[in-house]
């Protein structure tokens, strides 16, 4: 094997190891938290950031006060994960009322406004990025996903929650 090839392989292995340790040490997140999607209690408890869907299957989280209180009792960071969590929901341009509906439902449930936002499937148009900023929400995207272990309540991400546990 040539010296150049060994150097390239060494760099790639080093970068993978660095990414592994960054993900190991960073906060853990879970997507798709809503009363309508079953989520294991032990999974919710080991996570630092819960990404909340405010309205799913035409049911709002604020309709279930017991669930809202339980999520609050976990004492985690909560973020807004879309409004209805439709496929490519924020690839389609949305208006002010649309994002306000999600924020208002979140506020009604938890008694505070979300500060962070992540679009479903991490898919968002340039116009919607501006809408998120105008509503004083910090947008989290692909880079966030790369550097954090991100689980899914229904275990339907690209990688299973078991694989995410490992890497």
N, C-alpha and C. Protein backbone atom coordinates (compact mmCIF):
# COMPACT_ATOMS: atom_id res chain seq x y z
N UNK A 1 0.85 -1.18 0.00
CA UNK A 1 0.00 0.00 0.00
C UNK A 1 0.90 1.24 0.00
N UNK A 2 0.53 2.20 -0.81
CA UNK A 2 1.34 3.41 -0.92
C UNK A 2 1.20 4.27 0.35
N UNK A 3 2.22 5.08 0.57
CA UNK A 3 2.24 5.95 1.75
C UNK A 3 1.07 6.94 1.71
N UNK A 4 0.75 7.44 0.53
CA UNK A 4 -0.34 8.39 0.37
C UNK A 4 -1.68 7.74 0.75
N UNK A 5 -1.88 6.51 0.34
CA UNK A 5 -3.12 5.79 0.65
C UNK A 5 -3.24 5.55 2.16
N UNK A 6 -2.16 5.22 2.82
CA UNK A 6 -2.16 5.00 4.27
C UNK A 6 -2.53 6.29 4.99
N UNK A 7 -2.01 7.41 4.52
CA UNK A 7 -2.31 8.70 5.13
C UNK A 7 -3.80 9.02 4.98
N UNK A 8 -4.34 8.80 3.78
CA UNK A 8 -5.76 9.08 3.53
C UNK A 8 -6.63 8.19 4.42
N UNK A 9 -6.34 6.92 4.50
CA UNK A 9 -7.10 5.99 5.34
C UNK A 9 -7.00 6.39 6.81
N UNK A 10 -5.82 6.79 7.25
CA UNK A 10 -5.61 7.23 8.63
C UNK A 10 -6.44 8.48 8.94
N UNK A 11 -6.50 9.41 8.01
CA UNK A 11 -7.29 10.63 8.20
C UNK A 11 -8.78 10.28 8.30
N UNK A 12 -9.25 9.41 7.41
CA UNK A 12 -10.66 9.02 7.42
C UNK A 12 -11.02 8.33 8.74
N UNK A 13 -10.19 7.41 9.19
CA UNK A 13 -10.44 6.72 10.46
C UNK A 13 -10.42 7.72 11.61
N UNK A 14 -9.50 8.66 11.59
CA UNK A 14 -9.42 9.68 12.64
C UNK A 14 -10.68 10.53 12.68
N UNK A 15 -11.19 10.94 11.51
CA UNK A 15 -12.40 11.75 11.45
C UNK A 15 -13.61 10.98 11.96
N UNK A 16 -13.71 9.70 11.63
CA UNK A 16 -14.81 8.87 12.13
C UNK A 16 -14.74 8.76 13.65
N UNK A 17 -13.55 8.55 14.19
CA UNK A 17 -13.39 8.46 15.65
C UNK A 17 -13.73 9.78 16.34
N UNK A 18 -13.32 10.89 15.74
CA UNK A 18 -13.64 12.20 16.30
C UNK A 18 -15.15 12.40 16.31
N UNK A 19 -15.82 12.07 15.19
CA UNK A 19 -17.28 12.18 15.13
C UNK A 19 -17.94 11.28 16.17
N UNK A 20 -17.43 10.09 16.33
CA UNK A 20 -17.96 9.15 17.33
C UNK A 20 -17.91 9.78 18.72
N UNK A 21 -16.78 10.36 19.09
CA UNK A 21 -16.64 10.95 20.43
C UNK A 21 -17.45 12.23 20.59
N UNK A 22 -17.58 13.01 19.53
CA UNK A 22 -18.44 14.21 19.59
C UNK A 22 -19.87 13.79 19.87
N UNK A 23 -20.36 12.79 19.13
CA UNK A 23 -21.73 12.31 19.32
C UNK A 23 -21.92 11.68 20.70
N UNK A 24 -20.89 11.02 21.19
CA UNK A 24 -20.95 10.39 22.51
C UNK A 24 -21.10 11.42 23.62
N UNK A 25 -20.40 12.55 23.47
CA UNK A 25 -20.36 13.57 24.52
C UNK A 25 -21.46 14.62 24.40
N UNK A 26 -22.01 14.82 23.21
CA UNK A 26 -23.05 15.83 23.01
C UNK A 26 -24.39 15.37 23.57
N UNK A 27 -25.31 16.32 23.65
CA UNK A 27 -26.67 16.01 24.11
C UNK A 27 -27.34 15.03 23.16
N UNK A 28 -28.26 14.26 23.71
CA UNK A 28 -29.07 13.31 22.93
C UNK A 28 -30.42 13.94 22.68
N UNK A 29 -30.99 13.62 21.50
CA UNK A 29 -32.27 14.20 21.11
C UNK A 29 -33.22 13.10 20.66
N UNK A 30 -34.51 13.41 20.72
CA UNK A 30 -35.51 12.47 20.20
C UNK A 30 -36.56 13.25 19.40
N UNK A 31 -36.82 12.76 18.19
CA UNK A 31 -37.81 13.37 17.30
C UNK A 31 -39.17 12.71 17.49
N UNK A 32 -40.19 13.44 17.05
CA UNK A 32 -41.55 12.91 16.92
C UNK A 32 -42.23 12.63 18.26
N UNK A 33 -42.04 13.52 19.21
CA UNK A 33 -42.67 13.37 20.53
C UNK A 33 -44.05 14.02 20.48
N UNK A 34 -45.06 13.20 20.68
CA UNK A 34 -46.46 13.62 20.69
C UNK A 34 -47.29 12.51 21.32
N UNK A 35 -48.42 12.82 21.91
CA UNK A 35 -49.22 11.75 22.53
C UNK A 35 -49.68 10.69 21.53
N UNK A 36 -49.74 11.05 20.26
CA UNK A 36 -50.24 10.14 19.23
C UNK A 36 -49.22 9.11 18.75
N UNK A 37 -47.94 9.27 19.14
CA UNK A 37 -46.90 8.32 18.75
C UNK A 37 -46.32 7.72 20.03
N UNK A 38 -46.44 6.41 20.20
CA UNK A 38 -45.90 5.78 21.41
C UNK A 38 -44.39 6.01 21.52
N UNK A 39 -43.96 6.31 22.73
CA UNK A 39 -42.54 6.54 22.98
C UNK A 39 -42.17 5.87 24.30
N UNK A 40 -41.14 5.07 24.27
CA UNK A 40 -40.73 4.35 25.47
C UNK A 40 -40.29 5.33 26.55
N UNK A 41 -40.78 5.11 27.76
CA UNK A 41 -40.48 5.96 28.90
C UNK A 41 -38.97 6.04 29.17
N UNK A 42 -38.29 4.89 29.11
CA UNK A 42 -36.84 4.90 29.38
C UNK A 42 -36.08 5.68 28.31
N UNK A 43 -36.60 5.71 27.10
CA UNK A 43 -35.97 6.49 26.03
C UNK A 43 -36.15 7.98 26.31
N UNK A 44 -37.35 8.40 26.67
CA UNK A 44 -37.59 9.81 26.99
C UNK A 44 -36.72 10.29 28.14
N UNK A 45 -36.51 9.43 29.12
CA UNK A 45 -35.75 9.82 30.31
C UNK A 45 -34.26 9.97 30.05
N UNK A 46 -33.72 9.25 29.06
CA UNK A 46 -32.27 9.33 28.81
C UNK A 46 -31.90 10.43 27.82
N UNK A 47 -32.91 11.09 27.27
CA UNK A 47 -32.71 12.10 26.24
C UNK A 47 -32.65 13.49 26.86
N UNK A 48 -31.91 14.40 26.21
CA UNK A 48 -31.77 15.77 26.69
C UNK A 48 -32.75 16.74 26.02
N UNK A 49 -32.98 16.55 24.72
CA UNK A 49 -33.84 17.46 23.95
C UNK A 49 -34.97 16.66 23.32
N UNK A 50 -36.21 17.08 23.59
CA UNK A 50 -37.39 16.43 23.03
C UNK A 50 -37.96 17.33 21.93
N UNK A 51 -38.08 16.79 20.72
CA UNK A 51 -38.65 17.53 19.60
C UNK A 51 -40.14 17.21 19.51
N UNK A 52 -40.96 18.21 19.83
CA UNK A 52 -42.40 18.05 20.01
C UNK A 52 -43.16 18.39 18.73
N UNK A 53 -44.07 17.49 18.33
CA UNK A 53 -45.01 17.75 17.24
C UNK A 53 -46.28 18.30 17.89
N UNK A 54 -46.64 19.57 17.63
CA UNK A 54 -47.79 20.15 18.33
C UNK A 54 -49.16 19.64 17.87
N UNK A 55 -49.26 19.22 16.61
CA UNK A 55 -50.55 18.78 16.08
C UNK A 55 -50.31 17.59 15.16
N UNK A 56 -50.81 16.43 15.55
CA UNK A 56 -50.56 15.22 14.78
C UNK A 56 -51.88 14.46 14.64
N UNK A 57 -52.19 14.02 13.44
CA UNK A 57 -53.47 13.34 13.16
C UNK A 57 -54.65 14.20 13.62
N UNK A 58 -54.53 15.51 13.41
CA UNK A 58 -55.58 16.49 13.77
C UNK A 58 -55.87 16.54 15.27
N UNK A 59 -54.95 16.06 16.10
CA UNK A 59 -55.09 16.19 17.55
C UNK A 59 -53.94 17.04 18.06
N UNK A 60 -54.28 18.01 18.91
CA UNK A 60 -53.24 18.88 19.44
C UNK A 60 -52.74 18.35 20.78
N UNK A 61 -51.47 18.61 21.04
CA UNK A 61 -50.88 18.17 22.31
C UNK A 61 -51.57 18.83 23.49
N UNK A 62 -52.07 20.05 23.29
CA UNK A 62 -52.70 20.79 24.39
C UNK A 62 -54.02 20.17 24.84
N UNK A 63 -54.58 19.26 24.04
CA UNK A 63 -55.80 18.55 24.43
C UNK A 63 -55.53 17.54 25.55
N UNK A 64 -54.27 17.16 25.71
CA UNK A 64 -53.91 16.13 26.68
C UNK A 64 -53.04 16.74 27.79
N UNK A 65 -53.68 17.41 28.73
CA UNK A 65 -52.96 18.12 29.80
C UNK A 65 -52.11 17.17 30.65
N UNK A 66 -52.58 15.95 30.85
CA UNK A 66 -51.80 14.98 31.62
C UNK A 66 -50.47 14.70 30.91
N UNK A 67 -50.52 14.53 29.59
CA UNK A 67 -49.31 14.30 28.81
C UNK A 67 -48.40 15.52 28.89
N UNK A 68 -48.97 16.71 28.74
CA UNK A 68 -48.17 17.95 28.81
C UNK A 68 -47.43 18.02 30.15
N UNK A 69 -48.15 17.75 31.23
CA UNK A 69 -47.54 17.80 32.56
C UNK A 69 -46.46 16.73 32.72
N UNK A 70 -46.70 15.55 32.17
CA UNK A 70 -45.68 14.50 32.24
C UNK A 70 -44.40 14.93 31.51
N UNK A 71 -44.56 15.45 30.30
CA UNK A 71 -43.39 15.89 29.53
C UNK A 71 -42.65 16.99 30.28
N UNK A 72 -43.37 17.94 30.86
CA UNK A 72 -42.74 18.99 31.66
C UNK A 72 -42.01 18.42 32.86
N UNK A 73 -42.56 17.38 33.47
CA UNK A 73 -41.95 16.79 34.67
C UNK A 73 -40.60 16.13 34.36
N UNK A 74 -40.36 15.82 33.10
CA UNK A 74 -39.07 15.22 32.72
C UNK A 74 -37.93 16.23 32.80
N UNK A 75 -38.28 17.52 32.83
CA UNK A 75 -37.29 18.60 32.95
C UNK A 75 -36.26 18.56 31.82
N UNK A 76 -36.74 18.50 30.59
CA UNK A 76 -35.88 18.44 29.40
C UNK A 76 -36.03 19.73 28.60
N UNK A 77 -35.12 19.94 27.67
CA UNK A 77 -35.26 21.01 26.70
C UNK A 77 -36.28 20.55 25.67
N UNK A 78 -37.23 21.44 25.35
CA UNK A 78 -38.27 21.10 24.39
C UNK A 78 -38.17 22.01 23.18
N UNK A 79 -38.29 21.41 22.00
CA UNK A 79 -38.25 22.18 20.76
C UNK A 79 -39.45 21.84 19.88
N UNK A 80 -39.76 22.74 18.98
CA UNK A 80 -40.88 22.58 18.06
C UNK A 80 -40.40 21.79 16.83
N UNK A 81 -41.11 20.71 16.52
CA UNK A 81 -40.75 19.84 15.39
C UNK A 81 -41.85 19.87 14.34
N UNK A 82 -41.87 20.97 13.58
CA UNK A 82 -42.93 21.16 12.61
C UNK A 82 -44.20 21.61 13.29
N UNK A 83 -45.30 21.55 12.56
CA UNK A 83 -46.61 21.85 13.12
C UNK A 83 -47.46 20.59 13.07
N UNK A 84 -47.63 20.04 11.87
CA UNK A 84 -48.42 18.81 11.68
C UNK A 84 -47.55 17.59 11.39
N UNK A 85 -46.28 17.82 11.14
CA UNK A 85 -45.31 16.77 10.82
C UNK A 85 -45.68 15.99 9.55
N UNK A 86 -46.10 16.74 8.55
CA UNK A 86 -46.35 16.12 7.25
C UNK A 86 -45.04 15.96 6.50
N UNK A 87 -45.01 15.05 5.53
CA UNK A 87 -43.80 14.84 4.73
C UNK A 87 -43.47 16.14 3.99
N UNK A 88 -42.22 16.58 4.12
CA UNK A 88 -41.75 17.83 3.51
C UNK A 88 -42.64 19.02 3.87
N UNK A 89 -43.14 19.01 5.08
CA UNK A 89 -44.05 20.04 5.56
C UNK A 89 -43.52 21.46 5.34
N UNK A 90 -42.23 21.67 5.54
CA UNK A 90 -41.67 23.01 5.42
C UNK A 90 -40.88 23.22 4.13
N UNK A 91 -41.00 22.28 3.20
CA UNK A 91 -40.50 22.49 1.84
C UNK A 91 -41.51 23.35 1.10
N UNK A 92 -42.80 23.19 1.48
CA UNK A 92 -43.88 24.03 0.96
C UNK A 92 -43.86 25.33 1.74
N UNK A 93 -43.92 26.45 1.05
CA UNK A 93 -43.89 27.73 1.75
C UNK A 93 -45.11 27.91 2.63
N UNK A 94 -44.87 28.32 3.86
CA UNK A 94 -45.91 28.51 4.86
C UNK A 94 -46.04 29.99 5.18
N UNK A 95 -47.16 30.36 5.80
CA UNK A 95 -47.35 31.75 6.19
C UNK A 95 -47.21 31.89 7.71
N UNK A 96 -47.30 33.13 8.15
CA UNK A 96 -47.14 33.47 9.56
C UNK A 96 -48.15 32.73 10.44
N UNK A 97 -49.41 32.64 9.97
CA UNK A 97 -50.45 31.98 10.77
C UNK A 97 -50.13 30.51 10.99
N UNK A 98 -49.53 29.88 9.99
CA UNK A 98 -49.23 28.46 10.09
C UNK A 98 -48.24 28.18 11.23
N UNK A 99 -47.14 28.91 11.24
CA UNK A 99 -46.12 28.69 12.28
C UNK A 99 -46.66 29.15 13.63
N UNK A 100 -47.45 30.23 13.64
CA UNK A 100 -48.04 30.72 14.89
C UNK A 100 -48.96 29.67 15.51
N UNK A 101 -49.68 28.91 14.67
CA UNK A 101 -50.56 27.87 15.20
C UNK A 101 -49.74 26.84 16.00
N UNK A 102 -48.62 26.40 15.44
CA UNK A 102 -47.76 25.45 16.14
C UNK A 102 -47.21 26.02 17.43
N UNK A 103 -46.76 27.26 17.37
CA UNK A 103 -46.21 27.93 18.56
C UNK A 103 -47.29 28.06 19.64
N UNK A 104 -48.49 28.46 19.23
CA UNK A 104 -49.58 28.65 20.20
C UNK A 104 -50.00 27.34 20.86
N UNK A 105 -50.06 26.26 20.09
CA UNK A 105 -50.41 24.95 20.66
C UNK A 105 -49.34 24.53 21.66
N UNK A 106 -48.07 24.72 21.29
CA UNK A 106 -46.94 24.40 22.16
C UNK A 106 -47.06 25.20 23.46
N UNK A 107 -47.32 26.52 23.32
CA UNK A 107 -47.45 27.39 24.50
C UNK A 107 -48.62 26.99 25.38
N UNK A 108 -49.72 26.62 24.76
CA UNK A 108 -50.90 26.21 25.54
C UNK A 108 -50.60 24.95 26.35
N UNK A 109 -49.78 24.08 25.82
CA UNK A 109 -49.43 22.83 26.50
C UNK A 109 -48.40 23.07 27.61
N UNK A 110 -47.35 23.80 27.30
CA UNK A 110 -46.20 23.89 28.21
C UNK A 110 -46.05 25.23 28.93
N UNK A 111 -46.89 26.21 28.60
CA UNK A 111 -46.85 27.54 29.23
C UNK A 111 -45.59 28.33 28.94
N UNK A 112 -44.91 28.02 27.84
CA UNK A 112 -43.80 28.85 27.37
C UNK A 112 -43.65 28.65 25.87
N UNK A 113 -43.06 29.63 25.23
CA UNK A 113 -42.85 29.61 23.78
C UNK A 113 -41.59 28.80 23.47
N UNK A 114 -41.63 27.97 22.42
CA UNK A 114 -40.40 27.25 22.06
C UNK A 114 -39.33 28.23 21.57
N UNK A 115 -38.08 27.84 21.77
CA UNK A 115 -36.96 28.68 21.33
C UNK A 115 -36.21 28.04 20.17
N UNK A 116 -36.40 26.73 19.97
CA UNK A 116 -35.70 26.03 18.90
C UNK A 116 -36.71 25.32 18.00
N UNK A 117 -36.32 25.13 16.75
CA UNK A 117 -37.21 24.54 15.75
C UNK A 117 -36.40 23.59 14.86
N UNK A 118 -37.01 22.45 14.56
CA UNK A 118 -36.42 21.53 13.59
C UNK A 118 -37.54 21.06 12.66
N UNK A 119 -37.32 21.22 11.37
CA UNK A 119 -38.33 20.82 10.38
C UNK A 119 -38.36 19.29 10.26
N UNK A 120 -39.55 18.72 10.05
CA UNK A 120 -39.63 17.29 9.79
C UNK A 120 -38.78 16.92 8.56
N UNK A 121 -38.11 15.80 8.63
CA UNK A 121 -37.20 15.32 7.59
C UNK A 121 -36.07 16.31 7.30
N UNK A 122 -35.89 17.30 8.17
CA UNK A 122 -34.87 18.35 8.02
C UNK A 122 -35.01 19.10 6.71
N UNK A 123 -36.19 19.08 6.14
CA UNK A 123 -36.46 19.65 4.83
C UNK A 123 -37.17 20.99 4.99
N UNK A 124 -36.51 22.07 4.53
CA UNK A 124 -37.09 23.40 4.72
C UNK A 124 -36.66 24.32 3.58
N UNK A 125 -37.61 25.11 3.09
CA UNK A 125 -37.32 26.07 2.02
C UNK A 125 -36.62 27.31 2.60
N UNK A 126 -36.00 28.06 1.72
CA UNK A 126 -35.32 29.30 2.13
C UNK A 126 -36.32 30.28 2.75
N UNK A 127 -37.51 30.38 2.15
CA UNK A 127 -38.53 31.29 2.67
C UNK A 127 -38.97 30.88 4.08
N UNK A 128 -39.12 29.58 4.29
CA UNK A 128 -39.53 29.11 5.61
C UNK A 128 -38.41 29.28 6.64
N UNK A 129 -37.16 29.22 6.23
CA UNK A 129 -36.06 29.52 7.15
C UNK A 129 -36.21 30.94 7.67
N UNK A 130 -36.56 31.86 6.78
CA UNK A 130 -36.76 33.26 7.19
C UNK A 130 -37.95 33.38 8.13
N UNK A 131 -39.02 32.65 7.85
CA UNK A 131 -40.21 32.66 8.70
C UNK A 131 -39.86 32.18 10.11
N UNK A 132 -39.04 31.15 10.20
CA UNK A 132 -38.62 30.61 11.51
C UNK A 132 -37.81 31.68 12.25
N UNK A 133 -36.88 32.34 11.56
CA UNK A 133 -36.08 33.40 12.19
C UNK A 133 -36.95 34.56 12.64
N UNK A 134 -37.93 34.95 11.80
CA UNK A 134 -38.82 36.06 12.14
C UNK A 134 -39.62 35.77 13.41
N UNK A 135 -39.82 34.51 13.72
CA UNK A 135 -40.55 34.12 14.93
C UNK A 135 -39.62 33.80 16.09
N UNK A 136 -38.39 34.28 15.98
CA UNK A 136 -37.39 34.15 17.04
C UNK A 136 -37.13 32.71 17.45
N UNK A 137 -37.14 31.81 16.47
CA UNK A 137 -36.82 30.41 16.73
C UNK A 137 -35.45 30.11 16.11
N UNK A 138 -34.64 29.40 16.87
CA UNK A 138 -33.33 28.98 16.36
C UNK A 138 -33.54 27.69 15.56
N UNK A 139 -33.13 27.71 14.31
CA UNK A 139 -33.32 26.58 13.41
C UNK A 139 -32.19 25.55 13.59
N UNK A 140 -32.57 24.30 13.80
CA UNK A 140 -31.61 23.20 13.88
C UNK A 140 -31.79 22.36 12.62
N UNK A 141 -30.68 21.91 12.05
CA UNK A 141 -30.77 21.17 10.79
C UNK A 141 -29.80 20.01 10.71
N UNK A 142 -29.27 19.80 9.53
CA UNK A 142 -28.43 18.64 9.24
C UNK A 142 -27.16 18.58 10.08
N UNK A 143 -26.52 19.71 10.29
CA UNK A 143 -25.28 19.72 11.10
C UNK A 143 -25.60 19.29 12.52
N UNK A 144 -26.69 19.79 13.07
CA UNK A 144 -27.13 19.38 14.40
C UNK A 144 -27.35 17.86 14.43
N UNK A 145 -27.99 17.34 13.41
CA UNK A 145 -28.30 15.92 13.34
C UNK A 145 -27.02 15.09 13.27
N UNK A 146 -26.01 15.60 12.57
CA UNK A 146 -24.75 14.88 12.42
C UNK A 146 -23.99 14.78 13.75
N UNK A 147 -24.01 15.85 14.54
CA UNK A 147 -23.19 15.91 15.75
C UNK A 147 -23.92 15.48 17.04
N UNK A 148 -25.18 15.06 16.92
CA UNK A 148 -25.94 14.60 18.08
C UNK A 148 -26.57 13.25 17.77
N UNK A 149 -26.72 12.44 18.78
CA UNK A 149 -27.48 11.19 18.63
C UNK A 149 -28.94 11.58 18.63
N UNK A 150 -29.64 11.29 17.53
CA UNK A 150 -31.05 11.66 17.40
C UNK A 150 -31.88 10.40 17.20
N UNK A 151 -32.71 10.11 18.18
CA UNK A 151 -33.58 8.94 18.18
C UNK A 151 -34.95 9.34 17.65
N UNK A 152 -35.80 8.35 17.41
CA UNK A 152 -37.20 8.59 17.01
C UNK A 152 -38.11 7.78 17.93
N UNK A 153 -39.19 8.41 18.37
CA UNK A 153 -40.13 7.71 19.25
C UNK A 153 -40.59 6.39 18.64
N UNK A 154 -40.95 6.42 17.37
CA UNK A 154 -41.46 5.21 16.73
C UNK A 154 -40.36 4.40 16.03
N UNK A 155 -39.10 4.75 16.30
CA UNK A 155 -37.94 4.03 15.77
C UNK A 155 -37.99 3.89 14.25
N UNK A 156 -38.30 5.00 13.55
CA UNK A 156 -38.43 4.95 12.09
C UNK A 156 -37.42 5.83 11.36
N UNK A 157 -36.36 6.24 12.01
CA UNK A 157 -35.37 7.07 11.34
C UNK A 157 -34.58 6.27 10.32
N UNK A 158 -33.64 6.91 9.66
CA UNK A 158 -32.78 6.23 8.69
C UNK A 158 -32.08 5.06 9.37
N UNK A 159 -31.60 5.30 10.59
CA UNK A 159 -30.96 4.25 11.37
C UNK A 159 -31.86 3.94 12.57
N UNK A 160 -31.88 2.69 12.98
CA UNK A 160 -32.69 2.32 14.13
C UNK A 160 -32.11 2.92 15.40
N UNK A 161 -32.93 3.02 16.43
CA UNK A 161 -32.46 3.56 17.71
C UNK A 161 -31.32 2.72 18.28
N UNK A 162 -31.30 1.43 18.02
CA UNK A 162 -30.19 0.57 18.48
C UNK A 162 -28.88 0.97 17.85
N UNK A 163 -28.90 1.27 16.55
CA UNK A 163 -27.67 1.70 15.85
C UNK A 163 -27.24 3.06 16.38
N UNK A 164 -28.20 3.95 16.60
CA UNK A 164 -27.87 5.28 17.12
C UNK A 164 -27.24 5.17 18.49
N UNK A 165 -27.70 4.21 19.31
CA UNK A 165 -27.09 3.98 20.62
C UNK A 165 -25.60 3.67 20.49
N UNK A 166 -25.26 2.91 19.47
CA UNK A 166 -23.86 2.50 19.28
C UNK A 166 -23.04 3.65 18.71
N UNK A 167 -23.56 4.29 17.68
CA UNK A 167 -22.83 5.38 17.03
C UNK A 167 -23.68 6.61 17.00
